[in-house]
Amino acid sequence: MTDLDRGIMKFKGADSITAVVLSGVLILGAIAFLIIWALQSAYALS
């Protein structure tokens, strides 16, 4: 059992490269969306 299977992601294959890449893309996409949204809200960029 790897460390990733012990935390929040308690399912078989939680440490697979596909799951890690998908989680990373979702998290980085959400952060990028929030930064862009905040900049557009604070400044009239468009």
N, C-alpha and C. Protein backbone atom coordinates (compact mmCIF):
# COMPACT_ATOMS: atom_id res chain seq x y z
N MET A 1 0.85 -1.19 0.00
CA MET A 1 0.00 0.00 0.00
C MET A 1 0.89 1.24 0.00
N THR A 2 0.60 2.12 -0.92
CA THR A 2 1.40 3.35 -0.99
C THR A 2 0.81 4.41 -0.07
N ASP A 3 1.52 5.51 0.07
CA ASP A 3 1.06 6.59 0.93
C ASP A 3 -0.21 7.23 0.40
N LEU A 4 -0.38 7.26 -0.94
CA LEU A 4 -1.56 7.89 -1.51
C LEU A 4 -2.83 7.11 -1.19
N ASP A 5 -2.71 5.79 -0.97
CA ASP A 5 -3.89 4.99 -0.64
C ASP A 5 -4.32 5.17 0.81
N ARG A 6 -3.55 5.87 1.60
CA ARG A 6 -3.87 6.03 3.02
C ARG A 6 -4.59 7.32 3.34
N GLY A 7 -4.52 8.28 2.47
CA GLY A 7 -5.11 9.58 2.77
C GLY A 7 -6.55 9.67 2.30
N ILE A 8 -6.85 10.76 1.65
CA ILE A 8 -8.20 11.03 1.19
C ILE A 8 -8.59 10.10 0.04
N MET A 9 -7.63 9.75 -0.81
CA MET A 9 -7.92 8.94 -2.00
C MET A 9 -7.77 7.46 -1.65
N LYS A 10 -8.77 6.91 -0.99
CA LYS A 10 -8.72 5.52 -0.55
C LYS A 10 -9.42 4.62 -1.55
N PHE A 11 -8.88 4.54 -2.75
CA PHE A 11 -9.41 3.60 -3.73
C PHE A 11 -8.27 2.99 -4.52
N LYS A 12 -8.53 1.86 -5.09
CA LYS A 12 -7.48 1.16 -5.84
C LYS A 12 -7.10 1.98 -7.07
N GLY A 13 -5.83 2.17 -7.27
CA GLY A 13 -5.35 2.95 -8.40
C GLY A 13 -5.22 4.43 -8.11
N ALA A 14 -5.32 4.83 -6.87
CA ALA A 14 -5.22 6.25 -6.53
C ALA A 14 -3.83 6.80 -6.82
N ASP A 15 -2.83 5.92 -6.86
CA ASP A 15 -1.47 6.38 -7.13
C ASP A 15 -1.07 6.17 -8.58
N SER A 16 -2.03 5.86 -9.44
CA SER A 16 -1.71 5.70 -10.86
C SER A 16 -1.39 7.06 -11.47
N ILE A 17 -0.61 7.04 -12.52
CA ILE A 17 -0.19 8.30 -13.15
C ILE A 17 -1.39 9.05 -13.72
N THR A 18 -2.40 8.32 -14.19
CA THR A 18 -3.59 8.96 -14.74
C THR A 18 -4.34 9.75 -13.67
N ALA A 19 -4.52 9.16 -12.52
CA ALA A 19 -5.24 9.84 -11.43
C ALA A 19 -4.46 11.05 -10.93
N VAL A 20 -3.16 10.92 -10.84
CA VAL A 20 -2.32 12.02 -10.36
C VAL A 20 -2.34 13.18 -11.36
N VAL A 21 -2.21 12.87 -12.66
CA VAL A 21 -2.23 13.92 -13.69
C VAL A 21 -3.59 14.58 -13.74
N LEU A 22 -4.66 13.80 -13.69
CA LEU A 22 -6.01 14.36 -13.74
C LEU A 22 -6.26 15.28 -12.54
N SER A 23 -5.85 14.86 -11.37
CA SER A 23 -6.02 15.69 -10.17
C SER A 23 -5.21 16.98 -10.29
N GLY A 24 -3.99 16.86 -10.78
CA GLY A 24 -3.15 18.04 -10.94
C GLY A 24 -3.72 19.03 -11.93
N VAL A 25 -4.24 18.53 -13.05
CA VAL A 25 -4.83 19.41 -14.06
C VAL A 25 -6.06 20.11 -13.49
N LEU A 26 -6.89 19.38 -12.76
CA LEU A 26 -8.09 19.98 -12.18
C LEU A 26 -7.73 21.07 -11.17
N ILE A 27 -6.75 20.79 -10.33
CA ILE A 27 -6.37 21.76 -9.30
C ILE A 27 -5.72 23.00 -9.94
N LEU A 28 -4.79 22.78 -10.87
CA LEU A 28 -4.13 23.92 -11.51
C LEU A 28 -5.11 24.72 -12.37
N GLY A 29 -6.05 24.04 -13.01
CA GLY A 29 -7.06 24.74 -13.80
C GLY A 29 -7.95 25.60 -12.92
N ALA A 30 -8.33 25.07 -11.76
CA ALA A 30 -9.17 25.84 -10.84
C ALA A 30 -8.42 27.06 -10.32
N ILE A 31 -7.13 26.91 -10.01
CA ILE A 31 -6.34 28.03 -9.52
C ILE A 31 -6.20 29.09 -10.62
N ALA A 32 -5.92 28.64 -11.85
CA ALA A 32 -5.80 29.59 -12.96
C ALA A 32 -7.12 30.33 -13.19
N PHE A 33 -8.23 29.60 -13.14
CA PHE A 33 -9.54 30.24 -13.31
C PHE A 33 -9.78 31.30 -12.25
N LEU A 34 -9.47 30.98 -11.01
CA LEU A 34 -9.68 31.95 -9.92
C LEU A 34 -8.79 33.18 -10.07
N ILE A 35 -7.55 32.99 -10.51
CA ILE A 35 -6.65 34.13 -10.70
C ILE A 35 -7.16 35.02 -11.82
N ILE A 36 -7.56 34.41 -12.94
CA ILE A 36 -8.08 35.19 -14.07
C ILE A 36 -9.36 35.91 -13.68
N TRP A 37 -10.24 35.22 -12.98
CA TRP A 37 -11.50 35.83 -12.54
C TRP A 37 -11.24 37.00 -11.60
N ALA A 38 -10.29 36.82 -10.68
CA ALA A 38 -9.97 37.88 -9.73
C ALA A 38 -9.38 39.10 -10.44
N LEU A 39 -8.50 38.86 -11.41
CA LEU A 39 -7.91 39.98 -12.15
C LEU A 39 -8.96 40.72 -12.97
N GLN A 40 -9.87 39.98 -13.58
CA GLN A 40 -10.93 40.63 -14.36
C GLN A 40 -11.91 41.38 -13.47
N SER A 41 -12.11 40.88 -12.27
CA SER A 41 -13.02 41.57 -11.35
C SER A 41 -12.37 42.83 -10.77
N ALA A 42 -11.08 42.77 -10.52
CA ALA A 42 -10.39 43.90 -9.90
C ALA A 42 -10.06 44.97 -10.92
N TYR A 43 -9.73 44.57 -12.14
CA TYR A 43 -9.34 45.51 -13.17
C TYR A 43 -10.19 45.24 -14.41
N ALA A 44 -10.49 46.23 -15.15
CA ALA A 44 -11.25 46.06 -16.40
C ALA A 44 -10.28 45.66 -17.50
N LEU A 45 -9.95 44.38 -17.56
CA LEU A 45 -8.95 43.91 -18.52
C LEU A 45 -9.55 43.68 -19.91
N SER A 46 -10.82 43.38 -19.98
CA SER A 46 -11.41 43.09 -21.27
C SER A 46 -12.00 44.35 -21.83
